[in-house]
Amino acid sequence: MSAPNTNFNLFSFVVADVTRHPVRVLLFLALLVSAGLVIFSAHHNRQMSIAIERLMQEKDQLDVEWRNLVLEQSALTEHNRIEALVTSQLDMHRPLPSEEVVVRIK
């Protein structure tokens, strides 16, 4: 059995291989960068999809709340209700013709 060659240097072997095939090394590095960018874009796409879903749910909740507020507003502004509140709480009534005062502007 022979002794291992002490002159064999792994680093010099790698450097020699890289200098012998630079196009292959560049293609390999481009492949790694491309794979990393695909992973990043897929993750970003998922995060944006989750954010869109969350915003759509919030929009739906706000839409329901807005419809309820419109219904409440229309119920609160009905003339019969306002007239009943004025009569009961403020003790107001329609003036009689004898109580009316006409103001003329020159």
Protein backbone atom coordinates (compact mmCIF):
# COMPACT_ATOMS: atom_id res chain seq x y z
CA MET A 1 0.00 0.00 0.00
CA SER A 2 1.40 3.33 -1.00
CA ALA A 3 1.29 6.46 1.11
CA PRO A 4 -1.16 9.20 0.10
CA ASN A 5 0.26 11.90 -2.07
CA THR A 6 1.06 14.85 0.17
CA ASN A 7 1.38 17.19 -2.78
CA PHE A 8 -2.30 16.73 -3.60
CA ASN A 9 -4.11 19.90 -2.63
CA LEU A 10 -7.89 19.93 -2.84
CA PHE A 11 -8.08 23.70 -3.18
CA SER A 12 -5.75 23.77 -6.15
CA PHE A 13 -7.77 20.96 -7.73
CA VAL A 14 -11.01 22.96 -7.36
CA VAL A 15 -9.42 26.13 -8.71
CA ALA A 16 -8.01 24.22 -11.67
CA ASP A 17 -11.41 22.68 -12.40
CA VAL A 18 -13.14 26.05 -12.15
CA THR A 19 -10.65 27.66 -14.51
CA ARG A 20 -11.00 24.74 -16.93
CA HIS A 21 -14.84 24.97 -17.06
CA PRO A 22 -15.89 28.56 -16.27
CA VAL A 23 -19.13 28.38 -18.26
CA ARG A 24 -20.32 25.35 -16.32
CA VAL A 25 -19.53 27.05 -13.02
CA LEU A 26 -21.38 30.21 -14.05
CA LEU A 27 -24.36 28.15 -15.18
CA PHE A 28 -24.35 26.31 -11.85
CA LEU A 29 -24.24 29.61 -9.91
CA ALA A 30 -27.02 31.01 -12.09
CA LEU A 31 -29.06 27.90 -11.37
CA LEU A 32 -28.60 28.34 -7.61
CA VAL A 33 -29.55 32.03 -7.77
CA SER A 34 -32.56 31.23 -9.93
CA ALA A 35 -33.74 28.53 -7.51
CA GLY A 36 -33.39 30.95 -4.59
CA LEU A 37 -35.39 33.60 -6.42
CA VAL A 38 -38.14 31.09 -7.25
CA ILE A 39 -38.40 30.16 -3.58
CA PHE A 40 -38.48 33.83 -2.56
CA SER A 41 -41.15 34.74 -5.13
CA ALA A 42 -43.33 31.76 -4.17
CA HIS A 43 -43.14 32.76 -0.51
CA HIS A 44 -43.91 36.38 -1.36
CA ASN A 45 -46.85 35.29 -3.53
CA ARG A 46 -48.29 33.21 -0.67
CA GLN A 47 -47.93 36.10 1.76
CA MET A 48 -49.71 38.45 -0.65
CA SER A 49 -52.52 35.92 -1.19
CA ILE A 50 -53.01 35.66 2.57
CA ALA A 51 -53.07 39.45 2.87
CA ILE A 52 -55.65 39.72 0.05
CA GLU A 53 -57.88 37.13 1.74
CA ARG A 54 -57.65 39.01 5.04
CA LEU A 55 -58.51 42.32 3.35
CA MET A 56 -61.44 40.77 1.48
CA GLN A 57 -62.86 39.43 4.77
CA GLU A 58 -62.45 42.86 6.35
CA LYS A 59 -64.16 44.47 3.34
CA ASP A 60 -67.09 42.07 3.68
CA GLN A 61 -67.43 42.83 7.40
CA LEU A 62 -67.31 46.57 6.75
CA ASP A 63 -69.89 46.21 3.97
CA VAL A 64 -72.29 44.42 6.32
CA GLU A 65 -71.72 47.05 9.00
CA TRP A 66 -72.33 49.84 6.47
CA ARG A 67 -75.63 48.26 5.36
CA ASN A 68 -76.75 48.00 8.97
CA LEU A 69 -75.86 51.64 9.57
CA VAL A 70 -77.82 52.72 6.49
CA LEU A 71 -80.86 50.82 7.75
CA GLU A 72 -80.47 52.35 11.20
CA GLN A 73 -80.13 55.83 9.71
CA SER A 74 -83.27 55.43 7.62
CA ALA A 75 -85.17 54.17 10.67
CA LEU A 76 -83.97 57.08 12.81
CA THR A 77 -84.89 59.73 10.25
CA GLU A 78 -88.49 58.66 9.66
CA HIS A 79 -90.88 61.61 10.05
CA ASN A 80 -93.34 59.75 12.30
CA ARG A 81 -90.59 58.87 14.76
CA ILE A 82 -89.21 62.40 14.84
CA GLU A 83 -92.69 63.85 15.31
CA ALA A 84 -93.39 61.43 18.18
CA LEU A 85 -90.08 62.28 19.88
CA VAL A 86 -90.70 66.02 19.52
CA THR A 87 -94.19 65.71 20.93
CA SER A 88 -93.26 63.48 23.87
CA GLN A 89 -89.83 64.78 24.91
CA LEU A 90 -89.88 68.45 23.92
CA ASP A 91 -93.63 69.04 24.36
CA MET A 92 -93.83 70.65 20.94
CA HIS A 93 -96.94 70.81 18.74
CA ARG A 94 -98.02 72.24 15.41
CA PRO A 95 -99.04 75.87 15.74
CA LEU A 96 -102.67 76.72 15.34
CA PRO A 97 -103.58 79.17 12.60
CA SER A 98 -104.24 81.80 15.24
CA GLU A 99 -100.69 81.32 16.63
CA GLU A 100 -98.98 81.77 13.27
CA VAL A 101 -97.12 85.02 12.61
CA VAL A 102 -96.42 86.13 9.06
CA VAL A 103 -93.35 88.25 8.53
CA ARG A 104 -93.22 90.33 5.40
CA ILE A 105 -89.90 91.31 3.87
CA LYS A 106 -89.77 94.59 1.94
